[in-house]
Amino acid sequence: MLCTVRSALGAILILGGASFIAKNFLIVLAPQYDLPYVIAPMFLAMDSLTFWSLIKGVDRARWDARGTGCQRAQSWMNWLDMAS
């Protein structure tokens, strides 16, 4: 079930991105065909991602366990030093 929801969300985001690109091409190449509802899928994608983030949330324990970016980079550097 969760995989299906994530796949659907991914497809909606791809469609939203494609509509954004299409809108920009229309503005530049064919302004007479520029319609305001071309980017409607983009707003659907943004709303879907917002609701997914609000419902799914963040697992605070996993987030804290990952550490900060500097800690991860340092552990990576330590691993490289041990490997050589």
PDB file of N, CA and C in Angstrom:
ATOM      1  N   MET A   1       0.833  -1.204   0.000  1.00  0.00           N
ATOM      2  CA  MET A   1       0.000   0.000   0.000  1.00  0.00           C
ATOM      3  C   MET A   1       0.866   1.252   0.000  1.00  0.00           C
ATOM      4  N   LEU A   2       1.869   1.280   0.899  1.00  0.00           N
ATOM      5  CA  LEU A   2       2.731   2.449   1.002  1.00  0.00           C
ATOM      6  C   LEU A   2       3.515   2.675  -0.273  1.00  0.00           C
ATOM      7  N   CYS A   3       3.974   1.589  -0.879  1.00  0.00           N
ATOM      8  CA  CYS A   3       4.728   1.696  -2.128  1.00  0.00           C
ATOM      9  C   CYS A   3       3.845   2.241  -3.236  1.00  0.00           C
ATOM     10  N   THR A   4       2.593   1.868  -3.248  1.00  0.00           N
ATOM     11  CA  THR A   4       1.656   2.353  -4.253  1.00  0.00           C
ATOM     12  C   THR A   4       1.418   3.848  -4.103  1.00  0.00           C
ATOM     13  N   VAL A   5       1.288   4.305  -2.863  1.00  0.00           N
ATOM     14  CA  VAL A   5       1.074   5.728  -2.611  1.00  0.00           C
ATOM     15  C   VAL A   5       2.302   6.520  -3.044  1.00  0.00           C
ATOM     16  N   ARG A   6       3.492   6.020  -2.707  1.00  0.00           N
ATOM     17  CA  ARG A   6       4.718   6.710  -3.100  1.00  0.00           C
ATOM     18  C   ARG A   6       4.870   6.739  -4.614  1.00  0.00           C
ATOM     19  N   SER A   7       4.526   5.661  -5.282  1.00  0.00           N
ATOM     20  CA  SER A   7       4.608   5.630  -6.744  1.00  0.00           C
ATOM     21  C   SER A   7       3.633   6.619  -7.373  1.00  0.00           C
ATOM     22  N   ALA A   8       2.430   6.679  -6.830  1.00  0.00           N
ATOM     23  CA  ALA A   8       1.443   7.628  -7.339  1.00  0.00           C
ATOM     24  C   ALA A   8       1.907   9.061  -7.109  1.00  0.00           C
ATOM     25  N   LEU A   9       2.469   9.323  -5.932  1.00  0.00           N
ATOM     26  CA  LEU A   9       2.973  10.655  -5.640  1.00  0.00           C
ATOM     27  C   LEU A   9       4.114  11.023  -6.591  1.00  0.00           C
ATOM     28  N   GLY A  10       4.985  10.068  -6.876  1.00  0.00           N
ATOM     29  CA  GLY A  10       6.066  10.306  -7.820  1.00  0.00           C
ATOM     30  C   GLY A  10       5.553  10.618  -9.211  1.00  0.00           C
ATOM     31  N   ALA A  11       4.533   9.897  -9.642  1.00  0.00           N
ATOM     32  CA  ALA A  11       3.952  10.149 -10.966  1.00  0.00           C
ATOM     33  C   ALA A  11       3.300  11.525 -11.028  1.00  0.00           C
ATOM     34  N   ILE A  12       2.622  11.907  -9.951  1.00  0.00           N
ATOM     35  CA  ILE A  12       1.995  13.229  -9.904  1.00  0.00           C
ATOM     36  C   ILE A  12       3.060  14.321  -9.944  1.00  0.00           C
ATOM     37  N   LEU A  13       4.168  14.118  -9.231  1.00  0.00           N
ATOM     38  CA  LEU A  13       5.242  15.114  -9.244  1.00  0.00           C
ATOM     39  C   LEU A  13       5.893  15.226 -10.623  1.00  0.00           C
ATOM     40  N   ILE A  14       6.051  14.105 -11.303  1.00  0.00           N
ATOM     41  CA  ILE A  14       6.602  14.138 -12.666  1.00  0.00           C
ATOM     42  C   ILE A  14       5.662  14.898 -13.590  1.00  0.00           C
ATOM     43  N   LEU A  15       4.373  14.630 -13.482  1.00  0.00           N
ATOM     44  CA  LEU A  15       3.384  15.328 -14.302  1.00  0.00           C
ATOM     45  C   LEU A  15       3.387  16.828 -13.996  1.00  0.00           C
ATOM     46  N   GLY A  16       3.512  17.175 -12.726  1.00  0.00           N
ATOM     47  CA  GLY A  16       3.565  18.587 -12.340  1.00  0.00           C
ATOM     48  C   GLY A  16       4.798  19.282 -12.897  1.00  0.00           C
ATOM     49  N   GLY A  17       5.942  18.608 -12.839  1.00  0.00           N
ATOM     50  CA  GLY A  17       7.156  19.175 -13.413  1.00  0.00           C
ATOM     51  C   GLY A  17       7.068  19.337 -14.916  1.00  0.00           C
ATOM     52  N   ALA A  18       6.475  18.358 -15.578  1.00  0.00           N
ATOM     53  CA  ALA A  18       6.305  18.438 -17.031  1.00  0.00           C
ATOM     54  C   ALA A  18       5.372  19.582 -17.404  1.00  0.00           C
ATOM     55  N   SER A  19       4.330  19.810 -16.608  1.00  0.00           N
ATOM     56  CA  SER A  19       3.423  20.920 -16.913  1.00  0.00           C
ATOM     57  C   SER A  19       4.112  22.259 -16.713  1.00  0.00           C
ATOM     58  N   PHE A  20       4.994  22.349 -15.726  1.00  0.00           N
ATOM     59  CA  PHE A  20       5.755  23.579 -15.507  1.00  0.00           C
ATOM     60  C   PHE A  20       6.669  23.860 -16.693  1.00  0.00           C
ATOM     61  N   ILE A  21       7.354  22.833 -17.172  1.00  0.00           N
ATOM     62  CA  ILE A  21       8.237  22.999 -18.329  1.00  0.00           C
ATOM     63  C   ILE A  21       7.426  23.358 -19.572  1.00  0.00           C
ATOM     64  N   ALA A  22       6.290  22.701 -19.759  1.00  0.00           N
ATOM     65  CA  ALA A  22       5.436  23.007 -20.917  1.00  0.00           C
ATOM     66  C   ALA A  22       4.953  24.448 -20.875  1.00  0.00           C
ATOM     67  N   LYS A  23       4.576  24.916 -19.703  1.00  0.00           N
ATOM     68  CA  LYS A  23       4.119  26.304 -19.552  1.00  0.00           C
ATOM     69  C   LYS A  23       5.223  27.272 -19.954  1.00  0.00           C
ATOM     70  N   ASN A  24       6.458  27.015 -19.519  1.00  0.00           N
ATOM     71  CA  ASN A  24       7.558  27.911 -19.866  1.00  0.00           C
ATOM     72  C   ASN A  24       7.875  27.877 -21.353  1.00  0.00           C
ATOM     73  N   PHE A  25       7.808  26.705 -21.960  1.00  0.00           N
ATOM     74  CA  PHE A  25       8.015  26.630 -23.409  1.00  0.00           C
ATOM     75  C   PHE A  25       6.911  27.378 -24.155  1.00  0.00           C
ATOM     76  N   LEU A  26       5.677  27.253 -23.682  1.00  0.00           N
ATOM     77  CA  LEU A  26       4.579  27.969 -24.324  1.00  0.00           C
ATOM     78  C   LEU A  26       4.764  29.480 -24.222  1.00  0.00           C
ATOM     79  N   ILE A  27       5.220  29.960 -23.090  1.00  0.00           N
ATOM     80  CA  ILE A  27       5.426  31.395 -22.919  1.00  0.00           C
ATOM     81  C   ILE A  27       6.453  31.909 -23.919  1.00  0.00           C
ATOM     82  N   VAL A  28       7.524  31.141 -24.125  1.00  0.00           N
ATOM     83  CA  VAL A  28       8.610  31.595 -24.993  1.00  0.00           C
ATOM     84  C   VAL A  28       8.310  31.324 -26.467  1.00  0.00           C
ATOM     85  N   LEU A  29       7.869  30.126 -26.794  1.00  0.00           N
ATOM     86  CA  LEU A  29       7.754  29.729 -28.193  1.00  0.00           C
ATOM     87  C   LEU A  29       6.396  30.028 -28.831  1.00  0.00           C
ATOM     88  N   ALA A  30       5.339  29.958 -28.062  1.00  0.00           N
ATOM     89  CA  ALA A  30       3.998  30.167 -28.630  1.00  0.00           C
ATOM     90  C   ALA A  30       3.117  30.916 -27.631  1.00  0.00           C
ATOM     91  N   PRO A  31       3.396  32.190 -27.419  1.00  0.00           N
ATOM     92  CA  PRO A  31       2.626  32.931 -26.406  1.00  0.00           C
ATOM     93  C   PRO A  31       1.121  32.995 -26.689  1.00  0.00           C
ATOM     94  N   GLN A  32       0.720  32.849 -27.941  1.00  0.00           N
ATOM     95  CA  GLN A  32      -0.703  32.889 -28.249  1.00  0.00           C
ATOM     96  C   GLN A  32      -1.442  31.670 -27.705  1.00  0.00           C
ATOM     97  N   TYR A  33      -0.708  30.559 -27.440  1.00  0.00           N
ATOM     98  CA  TYR A  33      -1.326  29.340 -26.899  1.00  0.00           C
ATOM     99  C   TYR A  33      -1.103  29.190 -25.399  1.00  0.00           C
ATOM    100  N   ASP A  34      -0.556  30.211 -24.778  1.00  0.00           N
ATOM    101  CA  ASP A  34      -0.297  30.159 -23.341  1.00  0.00           C
ATOM    102  C   ASP A  34      -1.620  30.251 -22.582  1.00  0.00           C
ATOM    103  N   LEU A  35      -1.970  29.166 -21.896  1.00  0.00           N
ATOM    104  CA  LEU A  35      -3.218  29.108 -21.147  1.00  0.00           C
ATOM    105  C   LEU A  35      -2.916  28.954 -19.667  1.00  0.00           C
ATOM    106  N   PRO A  36      -3.712  29.577 -18.809  1.00  0.00           N
ATOM    107  CA  PRO A  36      -3.398  29.525 -17.371  1.00  0.00           C
ATOM    108  C   PRO A  36      -3.574  28.135 -16.752  1.00  0.00           C
ATOM    109  N   TYR A  37      -4.412  27.293 -17.323  1.00  0.00           N
ATOM    110  CA  TYR A  37      -4.661  25.993 -16.698  1.00  0.00           C
ATOM    111  C   TYR A  37      -3.661  24.923 -17.115  1.00  0.00           C
ATOM    112  N   VAL A  38      -2.642  25.289 -17.876  1.00  0.00           N
ATOM    113  CA  VAL A  38      -1.603  24.326 -18.251  1.00  0.00           C
ATOM    114  C   VAL A  38      -0.821  23.883 -17.017  1.00  0.00           C
ATOM    115  N   ILE A  39      -0.691  24.777 -16.042  1.00  0.00           N
ATOM    116  CA  ILE A  39       0.087  24.438 -14.848  1.00  0.00           C
ATOM    117  C   ILE A  39      -0.767  23.891 -13.706  1.00  0.00           C
ATOM    118  N   ALA A  40      -2.011  23.559 -13.970  1.00  0.00           N
ATOM    119  CA  ALA A  40      -2.869  22.978 -12.928  1.00  0.00           C
ATOM    120  C   ALA A  40      -2.262  21.704 -12.323  1.00  0.00           C
ATOM    121  N   PRO A  41      -1.649  20.812 -13.116  1.00  0.00           N
ATOM    122  CA  PRO A  41      -1.033  19.636 -12.494  1.00  0.00           C
ATOM    123  C   PRO A  41       0.111  19.980 -11.537  1.00  0.00           C
ATOM    124  N   MET A  42       0.778  21.109 -11.775  1.00  0.00           N
ATOM    125  CA  MET A  42       1.844  21.513 -10.867  1.00  0.00           C
ATOM    126  C   MET A  42       1.284  21.819  -9.477  1.00  0.00           C
ATOM    127  N   PHE A  43       0.138  22.494  -9.431  1.00  0.00           N
ATOM    128  CA  PHE A  43      -0.473  22.797  -8.139  1.00  0.00           C
ATOM    129  C   PHE A  43      -0.994  21.520  -7.462  1.00  0.00           C
ATOM    130  N   LEU A  44      -1.501  20.593  -8.240  1.00  0.00           N
ATOM    131  CA  LEU A  44      -1.908  19.301  -7.697  1.00  0.00           C
ATOM    132  C   LEU A  44      -0.705  18.579  -7.090  1.00  0.00           C
ATOM    133  N   ALA A  45       0.426  18.630  -7.773  1.00  0.00           N
ATOM    134  CA  ALA A  45       1.642  17.978  -7.275  1.00  0.00           C
ATOM    135  C   ALA A  45       2.117  18.626  -5.981  1.00  0.00           C
ATOM    136  N   MET A  46       2.102  19.955  -5.933  1.00  0.00           N
ATOM    137  CA  MET A  46       2.542  20.639  -4.714  1.00  0.00           C
ATOM    138  C   MET A  46       1.625  20.313  -3.541  1.00  0.00           C
ATOM    139  N   ASP A  47       0.330  20.314  -3.785  1.00  0.00           N
ATOM    140  CA  ASP A  47      -0.621  19.984  -2.715  1.00  0.00           C
ATOM    141  C   ASP A  47      -0.459  18.538  -2.260  1.00  0.00           C
ATOM    142  N   SER A  48      -0.247  17.623  -3.198  1.00  0.00           N
ATOM    143  CA  SER A  48      -0.073  16.212  -2.849  1.00  0.00           C
ATOM    144  C   SER A  48       1.162  16.016  -1.987  1.00  0.00           C
ATOM    145  N   LEU A  49       2.257  16.658  -2.364  1.00  0.00           N
ATOM    146  CA  LEU A  49       3.483  16.526  -1.590  1.00  0.00           C
ATOM    147  C   LEU A  49       3.335  17.145  -0.203  1.00  0.00           C
ATOM    148  N   THR A  50       2.628  18.256  -0.121  1.00  0.00           N
ATOM    149  CA  THR A  50       2.389  18.896   1.177  1.00  0.00           C
ATOM    150  C   THR A  50       1.577  17.984   2.087  1.00  0.00           C
ATOM    151  N   PHE A  51       0.489  17.423   1.567  1.00  0.00           N
ATOM    152  CA  PHE A  51      -0.338  16.547   2.388  1.00  0.00           C
ATOM    153  C   PHE A  51       0.397  15.272   2.772  1.00  0.00           C
ATOM    154  N   TRP A  52       1.211  14.731   1.869  1.00  0.00           N
ATOM    155  CA  TRP A  52       2.002  13.542   2.190  1.00  0.00           C
ATOM    156  C   TRP A  52       2.971  13.861   3.332  1.00  0.00           C
ATOM    157  N   SER A  53       3.612  15.011   3.257  1.00  0.00           N
ATOM    158  CA  SER A  53       4.565  15.394   4.302  1.00  0.00           C
ATOM    159  C   SER A  53       3.859  15.604   5.635  1.00  0.00           C
ATOM    160  N   LEU A  54       2.681  16.194   5.599  1.00  0.00           N
ATOM    161  CA  LEU A  54       1.948  16.408   6.849  1.00  0.00           C
ATOM    162  C   LEU A  54       1.459  15.098   7.454  1.00  0.00           C
ATOM    163  N   ILE A  55       1.008  14.181   6.619  1.00  0.00           N
ATOM    164  CA  ILE A  55       0.468  12.913   7.121  1.00  0.00           C
ATOM    165  C   ILE A  55       1.590  11.969   7.531  1.00  0.00           C
ATOM    166  N   LYS A  56       2.574  11.796   6.660  1.00  0.00           N
ATOM    167  CA  LYS A  56       3.658  10.851   6.926  1.00  0.00           C
ATOM    168  C   LYS A  56       4.581  11.371   8.014  1.00  0.00           C
ATOM    169  N   GLY A  57       4.935  12.639   7.936  1.00  0.00           N
ATOM    170  CA  GLY A  57       5.792  13.239   8.941  1.00  0.00           C
ATOM    171  C   GLY A  57       7.219  12.727   8.872  1.00  0.00           C
ATOM    172  N   VAL A  58       7.960  12.993   9.939  1.00  0.00           N
ATOM    173  CA  VAL A  58       9.365  12.613  10.028  1.00  0.00           C
ATOM    174  C   VAL A  58       9.540  11.726  11.251  1.00  0.00           C
ATOM    175  N   ASP A  59      10.255  10.624  11.086  1.00  0.00           N
ATOM    176  CA  ASP A  59      10.591   9.766  12.212  1.00  0.00           C
ATOM    177  C   ASP A  59      11.775  10.401  12.933  1.00  0.00           C
ATOM    178  N   ARG A  60      11.498  11.060  14.048  1.00  0.00           N
ATOM    179  CA  ARG A  60      12.521  11.850  14.743  1.00  0.00           C
ATOM    180  C   ARG A  60      13.704  10.989  15.184  1.00  0.00           C
ATOM    181  N   ALA A  61      13.447   9.773  15.609  1.00  0.00           N
ATOM    182  CA  ALA A  61      14.539   8.900  16.057  1.00  0.00           C
ATOM    183  C   ALA A  61      15.486   8.579  14.896  1.00  0.00           C
ATOM    184  N   ARG A  62      14.934   8.247  13.738  1.00  0.00           N
ATOM    185  CA  ARG A  62      15.779   7.974  12.561  1.00  0.00           C
ATOM    186  C   ARG A  62      16.521   9.219  12.111  1.00  0.00           C
ATOM    187  N   TRP A  63      15.849  10.367  12.175  1.00  0.00           N
ATOM    188  CA  TRP A  63      16.466  11.623  11.759  1.00  0.00           C
ATOM    189  C   TRP A  63      17.668  11.948  12.648  1.00  0.00           C
ATOM    190  N   ASP A  64      17.491  11.803  13.970  1.00  0.00           N
ATOM    191  CA  ASP A  64      18.585  12.084  14.895  1.00  0.00           C
ATOM    192  C   ASP A  64      19.702  11.057  14.759  1.00  0.00           C
ATOM    193  N   ALA A  65      19.353   9.813  14.450  1.00  0.00           N
ATOM    194  CA  ALA A  65      20.364   8.767  14.312  1.00  0.00           C
ATOM    195  C   ALA A  65      21.258   8.998  13.099  1.00  0.00           C
ATOM    196  N   ARG A  66      20.736   9.620  12.067  1.00  0.00           N
ATOM    197  CA  ARG A  66      21.540   9.900  10.873  1.00  0.00           C
ATOM    198  C   ARG A  66      22.641  10.895  11.169  1.00  0.00           C
ATOM    199  N   GLY A  67      22.418  11.820  12.093  1.00  0.00           N
ATOM    200  CA  GLY A  67      23.403  12.836  12.396  1.00  0.00           C
ATOM    201  C   GLY A  67      23.343  13.982  11.407  1.00  0.00           C
ATOM    202  N   THR A  68      24.200  14.960  11.623  1.00  0.00           N
ATOM    203  CA  THR A  68      24.234  16.110  10.723  1.00  0.00           C
ATOM    204  C   THR A  68      25.085  15.784   9.509  1.00  0.00           C
ATOM    205  N   GLY A  69      25.054  16.649   8.534  1.00  0.00           N
ATOM    206  CA  GLY A  69      25.841  16.453   7.320  1.00  0.00           C
ATOM    207  C   GLY A  69      27.328  16.408   7.616  1.00  0.00           C
ATOM    208  N   CYS A  70      27.786  17.237   8.562  1.00  0.00           N
ATOM    209  CA  CYS A  70      29.214  17.257   8.910  1.00  0.00           C
ATOM    210  C   CYS A  70      29.623  15.935   9.558  1.00  0.00           C
ATOM    211  N   GLN A  71      28.757  15.388  10.412  1.00  0.00           N
ATOM    212  CA  GLN A  71      29.084  14.110  11.050  1.00  0.00           C
ATOM    213  C   GLN A  71      29.154  12.999  10.016  1.00  0.00           C
ATOM    214  N   ARG A  72      28.239  12.995   9.055  1.00  0.00           N
ATOM    215  CA  ARG A  72      28.270  11.961   8.014  1.00  0.00           C
ATOM    216  C   ARG A  72      29.504  12.108   7.143  1.00  0.00           C
ATOM    217  N   ALA A  73      29.862  13.340   6.809  1.00  0.00           N
ATOM    218  CA  ALA A  73      31.055  13.559   5.989  1.00  0.00           C
ATOM    219  C   ALA A  73      32.302  13.115   6.741  1.00  0.00           C
ATOM    220  N   GLN A  74      32.360  13.393   8.030  1.00  0.00           N
ATOM    221  CA  GLN A  74      33.522  12.989   8.826  1.00  0.00           C
ATOM    222  C   GLN A  74      33.610  11.473   8.915  1.00  0.00           C
ATOM    223  N   SER A  75      32.466  10.797   9.099  1.00  0.00           N
ATOM    224  CA  SER A  75      32.517   9.338   9.165  1.00  0.00           C
ATOM    225  C   SER A  75      32.932   8.757   7.814  1.00  0.00           C
ATOM    226  N   TRP A  76      32.528   9.376   6.720  1.00  0.00           N
ATOM    227  CA  TRP A  76      32.941   8.938   5.391  1.00  0.00           C
ATOM    228  C   TRP A  76      34.451   9.104   5.219  1.00  0.00           C
ATOM    229  N   MET A  77      34.988  10.242   5.680  1.00  0.00           N
ATOM    230  CA  MET A  77      36.414  10.490   5.591  1.00  0.00           C
ATOM    231  C   MET A  77      37.190   9.484   6.446  1.00  0.00           C
ATOM    232  N   ASN A  78      36.677   9.158   7.616  1.00  0.00           N
ATOM    233  CA  ASN A  78      37.320   8.157   8.462  1.00  0.00           C
ATOM    234  C   ASN A  78      37.341   6.798   7.774  1.00  0.00           C
ATOM    235  N   TRP A  79      36.257   6.451   7.100  1.00  0.00           N
ATOM    236  CA  TRP A  79      36.200   5.184   6.399  1.00  0.00           C
ATOM    237  C   TRP A  79      37.216   5.167   5.268  1.00  0.00           C
ATOM    238  N   LEU A  80      37.372   6.282   4.557  1.00  0.00           N
ATOM    239  CA  LEU A  80      38.356   6.349   3.485  1.00  0.00           C
ATOM    240  C   LEU A  80      39.776   6.207   4.021  1.00  0.00           C
ATOM    241  N   ASP A  81      40.033   6.816   5.185  1.00  0.00           N
ATOM    242  CA  ASP A  81      41.363   6.685   5.777  1.00  0.00           C
ATOM    243  C   ASP A  81      41.664   5.261   6.173  1.00  0.00           C
ATOM    244  N   MET A  82      40.668   4.542   6.686  1.00  0.00           N
ATOM    245  CA  MET A  82      40.875   3.147   7.075  1.00  0.00           C
ATOM    246  C   MET A  82      41.050   2.257   5.856  1.00  0.00           C
ATOM    247  N   ALA A  83      40.397   2.604   4.751  1.00  0.00           N
ATOM    248  CA  ALA A  83      40.458   1.757   3.565  1.00  0.00           C
ATOM    249  C   ALA A  83      41.815   1.868   2.867  1.00  0.00           C
ATOM    250  N   SER A  84      42.524   2.967   3.041  1.00  0.00           N
ATOM    251  CA  SER A  84      43.803   3.120   2.336  1.00  0.00           C
ATOM    252  C   SER A  84      44.987   2.655   3.140  1.00  0.00           C
TER     253      SER A  84
END
